[in-house]
């Protein structure tokens, strides 16, 4: 239990931003597979994008658990998210072209599959949060944190109070 307490005590805001980015990426993978394995959207599904999404989350979270690799984990998540996004767009560009054929309008945007919109937004949000986490320290150094020594209470006597 002390190891877990030490782990969370030494983490900074960068850790929490990275954690949110990884959680969003993980959820997005299952939104993607849930949306694109239905019969009408199956031809726009990329198994490589789904698998790489899971690998990105697992690899970056494991890297974040160790101090020597923690500073690189947000970069790994971002790089793999870019690859996932490219695979996603490569698989779904025909879906977009069929929806937006003949022009761009608000009614056509409303007709987009909700899973497509959520997958796109979650991937972009995860990428943005990963970029922010890249520039923040993943942990604080414990060696530089001074430890306060306990102070013993001072007894007061009536004569000491009268002198003041």
N, C-alpha and C. Protein backbone atom coordinates (compact mmCIF):
# COMPACT_ATOMS: atom_id res chain seq x y z
N UNK A 1 0.82 -1.20 0.00
CA UNK A 1 0.00 0.00 0.00
C UNK A 1 0.86 1.26 0.00
N UNK A 2 2.03 1.16 0.64
CA UNK A 2 2.93 2.31 0.67
C UNK A 2 3.42 2.68 -0.72
N UNK A 3 3.64 1.66 -1.55
CA UNK A 3 4.08 1.92 -2.93
C UNK A 3 3.03 2.69 -3.71
N UNK A 4 1.76 2.32 -3.53
CA UNK A 4 0.66 3.00 -4.22
C UNK A 4 0.54 4.44 -3.73
N UNK A 5 0.62 4.63 -2.42
CA UNK A 5 0.56 5.99 -1.87
C UNK A 5 1.72 6.83 -2.38
N UNK A 6 2.90 6.24 -2.42
CA UNK A 6 4.08 6.96 -2.93
C UNK A 6 3.90 7.31 -4.41
N UNK A 7 3.32 6.38 -5.17
CA UNK A 7 3.10 6.61 -6.60
C UNK A 7 2.20 7.84 -6.80
N UNK A 8 1.07 7.89 -6.13
CA UNK A 8 0.14 9.00 -6.32
C UNK A 8 0.62 10.29 -5.68
N UNK A 9 1.40 10.19 -4.62
CA UNK A 9 1.91 11.38 -3.96
C UNK A 9 2.92 12.11 -4.83
N UNK A 10 3.64 11.38 -5.66
CA UNK A 10 4.67 12.00 -6.49
C UNK A 10 4.16 12.42 -7.86
N UNK A 11 2.90 12.25 -8.16
CA UNK A 11 2.37 12.61 -9.49
C UNK A 11 1.90 14.06 -9.50
N UNK A 12 1.96 14.66 -10.68
CA UNK A 12 1.60 16.07 -10.86
C UNK A 12 0.35 16.18 -11.73
N UNK A 13 0.04 17.41 -12.12
CA UNK A 13 -1.11 17.67 -12.99
C UNK A 13 -0.92 16.95 -14.34
N UNK A 14 0.31 16.84 -14.79
CA UNK A 14 0.58 16.13 -16.04
C UNK A 14 0.09 14.70 -16.01
N UNK A 15 0.22 14.06 -14.86
CA UNK A 15 -0.27 12.69 -14.71
C UNK A 15 -1.78 12.62 -14.90
N UNK A 16 -2.48 13.55 -14.30
CA UNK A 16 -3.95 13.52 -14.39
C UNK A 16 -4.43 13.86 -15.79
N UNK A 17 -3.76 14.78 -16.46
CA UNK A 17 -4.13 15.09 -17.85
C UNK A 17 -3.85 13.89 -18.74
N UNK A 18 -2.71 13.25 -18.53
CA UNK A 18 -2.40 12.04 -19.30
C UNK A 18 -3.42 10.95 -19.02
N UNK A 19 -3.82 10.79 -17.75
CA UNK A 19 -4.78 9.76 -17.39
C UNK A 19 -6.11 9.97 -18.10
N UNK A 20 -6.55 11.21 -18.18
CA UNK A 20 -7.80 11.52 -18.89
C UNK A 20 -7.65 11.21 -20.38
N UNK A 21 -6.50 11.58 -20.96
CA UNK A 21 -6.26 11.29 -22.38
C UNK A 21 -6.28 9.79 -22.64
N UNK A 22 -5.64 9.02 -21.79
CA UNK A 22 -5.62 7.56 -21.97
C UNK A 22 -7.01 6.95 -21.78
N UNK A 23 -7.76 7.46 -20.80
CA UNK A 23 -9.12 6.96 -20.57
C UNK A 23 -10.03 7.27 -21.77
N UNK A 24 -9.92 8.47 -22.30
CA UNK A 24 -10.72 8.83 -23.48
C UNK A 24 -10.35 7.96 -24.67
N UNK A 25 -9.06 7.71 -24.85
CA UNK A 25 -8.62 6.86 -25.96
C UNK A 25 -9.15 5.43 -25.79
N UNK A 26 -9.14 4.95 -24.55
CA UNK A 26 -9.65 3.60 -24.28
C UNK A 26 -11.15 3.50 -24.57
N UNK A 27 -11.90 4.48 -24.12
CA UNK A 27 -13.35 4.50 -24.36
C UNK A 27 -13.62 4.63 -25.86
N UNK A 28 -12.84 5.45 -26.53
CA UNK A 28 -13.03 5.65 -27.97
C UNK A 28 -12.85 4.35 -28.75
N UNK A 29 -11.92 3.51 -28.31
CA UNK A 29 -11.71 2.24 -29.01
C UNK A 29 -12.99 1.39 -28.98
N UNK A 30 -13.67 1.39 -27.86
CA UNK A 30 -14.89 0.57 -27.76
C UNK A 30 -16.10 1.24 -28.39
N UNK A 31 -16.11 2.56 -28.42
CA UNK A 31 -17.15 3.25 -29.18
C UNK A 31 -16.97 2.94 -30.67
N UNK A 32 -15.73 2.95 -31.11
CA UNK A 32 -15.41 2.66 -32.51
C UNK A 32 -15.83 1.25 -32.90
N UNK A 33 -15.45 0.27 -32.11
CA UNK A 33 -15.80 -1.11 -32.46
C UNK A 33 -17.31 -1.34 -32.33
N UNK A 34 -17.94 -0.67 -31.37
CA UNK A 34 -19.39 -0.82 -31.22
C UNK A 34 -20.16 -0.22 -32.37
N UNK A 35 -19.65 0.88 -32.91
CA UNK A 35 -20.33 1.56 -34.02
C UNK A 35 -20.08 0.86 -35.35
N UNK A 36 -18.84 0.50 -35.60
CA UNK A 36 -18.46 0.04 -36.93
C UNK A 36 -18.56 -1.46 -37.14
N UNK A 37 -18.96 -2.21 -36.15
CA UNK A 37 -19.18 -3.64 -36.39
C UNK A 37 -20.64 -3.95 -36.69
N UNK A 38 -21.48 -2.92 -36.71
CA UNK A 38 -22.87 -3.16 -37.14
C UNK A 38 -22.87 -3.42 -38.64
N UNK A 39 -23.90 -4.04 -39.13
CA UNK A 39 -23.92 -4.49 -40.53
C UNK A 39 -23.83 -3.34 -41.53
N UNK A 40 -24.41 -2.19 -41.20
CA UNK A 40 -24.40 -1.09 -42.16
C UNK A 40 -23.05 -0.37 -42.20
N UNK A 41 -22.26 -0.43 -41.15
CA UNK A 41 -20.99 0.31 -41.08
C UNK A 41 -19.77 -0.59 -41.15
N UNK A 42 -19.96 -1.91 -41.30
CA UNK A 42 -18.85 -2.85 -41.24
C UNK A 42 -17.80 -2.60 -42.32
N UNK A 43 -18.21 -2.14 -43.47
CA UNK A 43 -17.23 -1.92 -44.55
C UNK A 43 -16.32 -0.73 -44.28
N UNK A 44 -16.66 0.10 -43.28
CA UNK A 44 -15.83 1.24 -42.92
C UNK A 44 -14.98 0.97 -41.67
N UNK A 45 -14.95 -0.27 -41.22
CA UNK A 45 -14.22 -0.64 -40.01
C UNK A 45 -12.78 -1.01 -40.34
N UNK A 46 -11.85 -0.55 -39.51
CA UNK A 46 -10.44 -0.91 -39.65
C UNK A 46 -10.01 -1.61 -38.37
N UNK A 47 -9.74 -2.91 -38.49
CA UNK A 47 -9.28 -3.68 -37.33
C UNK A 47 -7.93 -3.17 -36.85
N UNK A 48 -7.11 -2.69 -37.78
CA UNK A 48 -5.79 -2.17 -37.41
C UNK A 48 -5.93 -0.92 -36.53
N UNK A 49 -6.90 -0.07 -36.83
CA UNK A 49 -7.11 1.14 -36.02
C UNK A 49 -7.55 0.76 -34.61
N UNK A 50 -8.44 -0.22 -34.50
CA UNK A 50 -8.90 -0.66 -33.18
C UNK A 50 -7.76 -1.28 -32.38
N UNK A 51 -7.00 -2.17 -33.01
CA UNK A 51 -5.90 -2.85 -32.31
C UNK A 51 -4.82 -1.85 -31.90
N UNK A 52 -4.49 -0.93 -32.79
CA UNK A 52 -3.46 0.06 -32.47
C UNK A 52 -3.92 0.99 -31.36
N UNK A 53 -5.21 1.28 -31.30
CA UNK A 53 -5.76 2.11 -30.22
C UNK A 53 -5.54 1.44 -28.87
N UNK A 54 -5.82 0.15 -28.79
CA UNK A 54 -5.62 -0.58 -27.54
C UNK A 54 -4.14 -0.69 -27.19
N UNK A 55 -3.31 -0.95 -28.18
CA UNK A 55 -1.87 -1.01 -27.95
C UNK A 55 -1.35 0.33 -27.46
N UNK A 56 -1.85 1.41 -28.03
CA UNK A 56 -1.42 2.76 -27.63
C UNK A 56 -1.73 3.02 -26.16
N UNK A 57 -2.94 2.68 -25.75
CA UNK A 57 -3.34 2.92 -24.37
C UNK A 57 -2.53 2.05 -23.41
N UNK A 58 -2.44 0.77 -23.69
CA UNK A 58 -1.73 -0.14 -22.79
C UNK A 58 -0.24 0.22 -22.72
N UNK A 59 0.38 0.45 -23.86
CA UNK A 59 1.82 0.76 -23.87
C UNK A 59 2.12 2.06 -23.14
N UNK A 60 1.33 3.08 -23.38
CA UNK A 60 1.62 4.37 -22.75
C UNK A 60 1.33 4.34 -21.25
N UNK A 61 0.30 3.63 -20.82
CA UNK A 61 0.01 3.53 -19.39
C UNK A 61 1.10 2.73 -18.67
N UNK A 62 1.55 1.65 -19.28
CA UNK A 62 2.64 0.88 -18.68
C UNK A 62 3.91 1.72 -18.61
N UNK A 63 4.19 2.48 -19.65
CA UNK A 63 5.36 3.35 -19.63
C UNK A 63 5.26 4.40 -18.53
N UNK A 64 4.07 4.89 -18.28
CA UNK A 64 3.88 5.94 -17.29
C UNK A 64 4.11 5.44 -15.86
N UNK A 65 4.01 4.16 -15.66
CA UNK A 65 4.19 3.60 -14.32
C UNK A 65 5.65 3.54 -13.87
N UNK A 66 6.58 3.72 -14.78
CA UNK A 66 8.01 3.66 -14.45
C UNK A 66 8.65 5.02 -14.70
N UNK A 67 9.41 5.50 -13.71
CA UNK A 67 10.00 6.83 -13.79
C UNK A 67 10.89 7.04 -15.02
N UNK A 68 11.75 6.09 -15.40
CA UNK A 68 12.61 6.36 -16.56
C UNK A 68 11.85 6.56 -17.88
N UNK A 69 10.68 5.94 -18.01
CA UNK A 69 9.93 6.05 -19.27
C UNK A 69 8.70 6.93 -19.16
N UNK A 70 8.42 7.45 -17.97
CA UNK A 70 7.19 8.23 -17.76
C UNK A 70 7.16 9.49 -18.62
N UNK A 71 8.33 10.12 -18.81
CA UNK A 71 8.33 11.36 -19.58
C UNK A 71 8.07 11.14 -21.07
N UNK A 72 8.18 9.91 -21.54
CA UNK A 72 7.96 9.62 -22.96
C UNK A 72 6.57 9.04 -23.23
N UNK A 73 5.84 8.69 -22.21
CA UNK A 73 4.57 7.99 -22.42
C UNK A 73 3.52 8.85 -23.11
N UNK A 74 3.44 10.13 -22.77
CA UNK A 74 2.46 11.00 -23.43
C UNK A 74 2.80 11.16 -24.91
N UNK A 75 4.09 11.20 -25.21
CA UNK A 75 4.52 11.30 -26.61
C UNK A 75 4.17 10.02 -27.38
N UNK A 76 4.33 8.89 -26.73
CA UNK A 76 3.97 7.61 -27.36
C UNK A 76 2.46 7.56 -27.62
N UNK A 77 1.68 7.98 -26.63
CA UNK A 77 0.22 8.01 -26.82
C UNK A 77 -0.15 8.93 -27.97
N UNK A 78 0.44 10.11 -28.02
CA UNK A 78 0.12 11.05 -29.09
C UNK A 78 0.51 10.47 -30.46
N UNK A 79 1.72 9.94 -30.57
CA UNK A 79 2.16 9.38 -31.85
C UNK A 79 1.27 8.25 -32.34
N UNK A 80 0.90 7.38 -31.44
CA UNK A 80 0.03 6.26 -31.83
C UNK A 80 -1.39 6.74 -32.12
N UNK A 81 -1.84 7.78 -31.41
CA UNK A 81 -3.17 8.35 -31.69
C UNK A 81 -3.20 8.96 -33.10
N UNK A 82 -2.11 9.58 -33.51
CA UNK A 82 -2.04 10.12 -34.88
C UNK A 82 -2.15 8.99 -35.89
N UNK A 83 -1.45 7.89 -35.63
CA UNK A 83 -1.54 6.73 -36.54
C UNK A 83 -2.95 6.15 -36.55
N UNK A 84 -3.57 6.06 -35.38
CA UNK A 84 -4.95 5.56 -35.29
C UNK A 84 -5.89 6.47 -36.07
N UNK A 85 -5.71 7.77 -35.92
CA UNK A 85 -6.57 8.72 -36.63
C UNK A 85 -6.40 8.59 -38.15
N UNK A 86 -5.17 8.40 -38.60
CA UNK A 86 -4.93 8.20 -40.04
C UNK A 86 -5.60 6.92 -40.54
N UNK A 87 -5.49 5.83 -39.77
CA UNK A 87 -6.16 4.58 -40.15
C UNK A 87 -7.68 4.73 -40.14
N UNK A 88 -8.18 5.47 -39.16
CA UNK A 88 -9.61 5.72 -39.04
C UNK A 88 -10.12 6.50 -40.26
N UNK A 89 -9.43 7.57 -40.59
CA UNK A 89 -9.83 8.38 -41.75
C UNK A 89 -9.70 7.58 -43.04
N UNK A 90 -8.66 6.78 -43.16
CA UNK A 90 -8.48 5.95 -44.35
C UNK A 90 -9.64 4.97 -44.52
N UNK A 91 -10.14 4.45 -43.41
CA UNK A 91 -11.24 3.49 -43.49
C UNK A 91 -12.60 4.16 -43.68
N UNK A 92 -12.75 5.41 -43.23
CA UNK A 92 -14.07 6.03 -43.25
C UNK A 92 -14.23 7.15 -44.28
N UNK A 93 -13.22 7.42 -45.08
CA UNK A 93 -13.37 8.53 -46.01
C UNK A 93 -14.47 8.29 -47.04
N UNK A 94 -14.71 7.04 -47.40
CA UNK A 94 -15.80 6.75 -48.34
C UNK A 94 -17.17 6.99 -47.68
N UNK A 95 -17.25 6.76 -46.38
CA UNK A 95 -18.49 7.07 -45.66
C UNK A 95 -18.75 8.57 -45.72
N UNK A 96 -17.72 9.35 -45.44
CA UNK A 96 -17.87 10.81 -45.50
C UNK A 96 -18.22 11.27 -46.91
N UNK A 97 -17.56 10.71 -47.90
CA UNK A 97 -17.84 11.16 -49.27
C UNK A 97 -19.26 10.78 -49.70
N UNK A 98 -19.77 9.65 -49.23
CA UNK A 98 -21.14 9.28 -49.60
C UNK A 98 -22.16 10.18 -48.90
N UNK A 99 -21.87 10.59 -47.67
CA UNK A 99 -22.79 11.48 -46.94
C UNK A 99 -22.75 12.89 -47.52
N UNK A 100 -21.54 13.36 -47.77
CA UNK A 100 -21.38 14.75 -48.20
C UNK A 100 -21.37 14.94 -49.72
N UNK A 101 -21.73 13.88 -50.47
CA UNK A 101 -21.77 13.99 -51.93
C UNK A 101 -22.82 15.02 -52.35
N UNK A 102 -22.43 15.92 -53.20
CA UNK A 102 -23.36 16.91 -53.72
C UNK A 102 -23.36 18.21 -52.93
N UNK A 103 -22.51 18.34 -51.96
CA UNK A 103 -22.44 19.60 -51.24
C UNK A 103 -22.43 19.42 -49.73
N UNK A 104 -22.20 20.50 -49.09
CA UNK A 104 -22.05 20.54 -47.63
C UNK A 104 -23.18 21.36 -47.05
N UNK A 105 -23.94 20.77 -46.13
CA UNK A 105 -25.04 21.52 -45.50
C UNK A 105 -25.23 21.04 -44.06
N UNK A 106 -25.99 21.80 -43.31
CA UNK A 106 -26.25 21.45 -41.91
C UNK A 106 -27.06 20.16 -41.82
N UNK A 107 -27.96 19.95 -42.73
CA UNK A 107 -28.77 18.72 -42.69
C UNK A 107 -27.90 17.48 -42.95
N UNK A 108 -26.89 17.62 -43.77
CA UNK A 108 -25.99 16.49 -44.02
C UNK A 108 -25.10 16.23 -42.81
N UNK A 109 -24.71 17.28 -42.10
CA UNK A 109 -23.94 17.10 -40.88
C UNK A 109 -24.76 16.38 -39.82
N UNK A 110 -26.07 16.69 -39.76
CA UNK A 110 -26.94 16.03 -38.79
C UNK A 110 -27.13 14.56 -39.11
N UNK A 111 -26.98 14.19 -40.37
CA UNK A 111 -27.17 12.80 -40.76
C UNK A 111 -25.94 11.92 -40.52
N UNK A 112 -24.85 12.52 -40.06
CA UNK A 112 -23.65 11.72 -39.77
C UNK A 112 -23.95 10.76 -38.62
N UNK A 113 -23.37 9.59 -38.69
CA UNK A 113 -23.53 8.57 -37.66
C UNK A 113 -22.95 9.12 -36.36
N UNK A 114 -23.67 8.96 -35.26
CA UNK A 114 -23.21 9.47 -33.96
C UNK A 114 -21.91 8.81 -33.54
N UNK A 115 -21.74 7.55 -33.85
CA UNK A 115 -20.49 6.85 -33.52
C UNK A 115 -19.30 7.43 -34.26
N UNK A 116 -19.52 7.85 -35.50
CA UNK A 116 -18.45 8.49 -36.27
C UNK A 116 -18.05 9.81 -35.61
N UNK A 117 -19.02 10.60 -35.22
CA UNK A 117 -18.74 11.90 -34.61
C UNK A 117 -18.04 11.72 -33.27
N UNK A 118 -18.53 10.80 -32.44
CA UNK A 118 -17.92 10.57 -31.13
C UNK A 118 -16.50 10.02 -31.28
N UNK A 119 -16.31 9.08 -32.19
CA UNK A 119 -14.96 8.53 -32.41
C UNK A 119 -13.99 9.61 -32.86
N UNK A 120 -14.42 10.46 -33.77
CA UNK A 120 -13.57 11.53 -34.26
C UNK A 120 -13.24 12.52 -33.14
N UNK A 121 -14.25 12.94 -32.40
CA UNK A 121 -14.03 13.91 -31.32
C UNK A 121 -13.16 13.33 -30.21
N UNK A 122 -13.43 12.09 -29.81
CA UNK A 122 -12.63 11.48 -28.74
C UNK A 122 -11.17 11.32 -29.16
N UNK A 123 -10.93 10.96 -30.40
CA UNK A 123 -9.55 10.83 -30.86
C UNK A 123 -8.85 12.19 -30.85
N UNK A 124 -9.54 13.22 -31.33
CA UNK A 124 -8.94 14.55 -31.34
C UNK A 124 -8.71 15.08 -29.92
N UNK A 125 -9.66 14.86 -29.02
CA UNK A 125 -9.49 15.30 -27.63
C UNK A 125 -8.34 14.57 -26.97
N UNK A 126 -8.24 13.29 -27.21
CA UNK A 126 -7.13 12.52 -26.65
C UNK A 126 -5.79 13.01 -27.18
N UNK A 127 -5.73 13.34 -28.45
CA UNK A 127 -4.49 13.87 -29.04
C UNK A 127 -4.13 15.22 -28.42
N UNK A 128 -5.10 16.09 -28.24
CA UNK A 128 -4.84 17.41 -27.65
C UNK A 128 -4.36 17.28 -26.21
N UNK A 129 -5.03 16.44 -25.43
CA UNK A 129 -4.61 16.24 -24.04
C UNK A 129 -3.23 15.60 -23.96
N UNK A 130 -2.92 14.72 -24.90
CA UNK A 130 -1.58 14.12 -24.93
C UNK A 130 -0.52 15.18 -25.20
N UNK A 131 -0.81 16.10 -26.10
CA UNK A 131 0.14 17.18 -26.38
C UNK A 131 0.36 18.02 -25.13
N UNK A 132 -0.70 18.34 -24.41
CA UNK A 132 -0.56 19.11 -23.17
C UNK A 132 0.27 18.33 -22.16
N UNK A 133 0.01 17.04 -22.03
CA UNK A 133 0.74 16.22 -21.06
C UNK A 133 2.22 16.08 -21.42
N UNK A 134 2.55 16.19 -22.69
CA UNK A 134 3.96 16.10 -23.11
C UNK A 134 4.77 17.21 -22.45
N UNK A 135 4.19 18.38 -22.31
CA UNK A 135 4.92 19.54 -21.82
C UNK A 135 4.87 19.69 -20.30
N UNK A 136 4.17 18.82 -19.61
CA UNK A 136 4.09 18.88 -18.16
C UNK A 136 4.93 17.76 -17.55
N UNK A 137 5.48 18.02 -16.37
CA UNK A 137 6.27 16.99 -15.69
C UNK A 137 5.35 15.85 -15.27
N UNK A 138 5.79 14.61 -15.49
CA UNK A 138 4.95 13.48 -15.11
C UNK A 138 4.96 13.18 -13.61
N UNK A 139 6.00 13.57 -12.93
CA UNK A 139 6.10 13.30 -11.50
C UNK A 139 6.99 14.35 -10.86
N UNK A 140 6.86 14.49 -9.56
CA UNK A 140 7.74 15.41 -8.84
C UNK A 140 8.80 14.59 -8.12
N UNK A 141 9.94 15.19 -7.98
CA UNK A 141 11.04 14.53 -7.31
C UNK A 141 10.76 14.46 -5.81
N UNK A 142 10.96 13.30 -5.23
CA UNK A 142 10.72 13.14 -3.79
C UNK A 142 11.95 13.50 -2.97
N UNK A 143 13.12 13.52 -3.59
CA UNK A 143 14.35 13.81 -2.86
C UNK A 143 14.40 15.26 -2.38
N UNK A 144 13.79 16.15 -3.09
CA UNK A 144 13.86 17.57 -2.79
C UNK A 144 12.75 18.04 -1.85
N UNK A 145 11.88 17.16 -1.45
CA UNK A 145 10.77 17.56 -0.60
C UNK A 145 11.24 17.49 0.86
N UNK A 146 11.29 18.63 1.54
CA UNK A 146 11.72 18.59 2.94
C UNK A 146 10.63 17.96 3.82
N UNK A 147 11.08 17.21 4.78
CA UNK A 147 10.16 16.57 5.71
C UNK A 147 10.19 17.37 7.01
N UNK A 148 9.04 17.78 7.47
CA UNK A 148 8.95 18.57 8.69
C UNK A 148 9.13 17.66 9.90
N UNK A 149 9.93 18.13 10.83
CA UNK A 149 10.13 17.37 12.06
C UNK A 149 9.04 17.75 13.05
N UNK A 150 8.61 16.80 13.86
CA UNK A 150 7.56 17.13 14.84
C UNK A 150 8.09 18.11 15.89
N UNK A 151 7.25 19.01 16.29
CA UNK A 151 7.61 20.02 17.27
C UNK A 151 6.92 19.66 18.58
N UNK A 152 7.71 19.68 19.64
CA UNK A 152 7.14 19.37 20.94
C UNK A 152 6.45 20.61 21.50
N UNK A 153 5.32 20.43 22.15
CA UNK A 153 4.61 21.59 22.70
C UNK A 153 5.41 22.22 23.86
N UNK A 154 5.32 23.52 23.95
CA UNK A 154 6.00 24.26 25.00
C UNK A 154 5.02 24.45 26.15
N UNK A 155 5.48 24.14 27.33
CA UNK A 155 4.63 24.32 28.51
C UNK A 155 4.68 25.78 28.93
N UNK A 156 3.54 26.31 29.21
CA UNK A 156 3.49 27.69 29.67
C UNK A 156 3.17 27.72 31.16
N UNK A 157 3.85 28.57 31.82
CA UNK A 157 3.58 28.74 33.24
C UNK A 157 3.04 30.14 33.45
N UNK A 158 2.50 30.36 34.59
CA UNK A 158 1.92 31.67 34.86
C UNK A 158 2.99 32.76 34.88
N UNK A 159 4.19 32.41 35.33
CA UNK A 159 5.26 33.42 35.35
C UNK A 159 5.71 33.79 33.95
N UNK A 160 5.69 32.81 33.03
CA UNK A 160 6.07 33.09 31.65
C UNK A 160 5.03 33.97 30.98
N UNK A 161 3.77 33.76 31.32
CA UNK A 161 2.69 34.57 30.74
C UNK A 161 2.77 35.98 31.28
N UNK A 162 3.12 36.18 32.57
CA UNK A 162 3.21 37.49 33.17
C UNK A 162 4.36 38.29 32.57
N UNK A 163 5.44 37.62 32.17
CA UNK A 163 6.59 38.32 31.57
C UNK A 163 6.23 38.90 30.22
N UNK A 164 5.32 38.28 29.53
CA UNK A 164 4.95 38.75 28.21
C UNK A 164 4.02 39.93 28.37
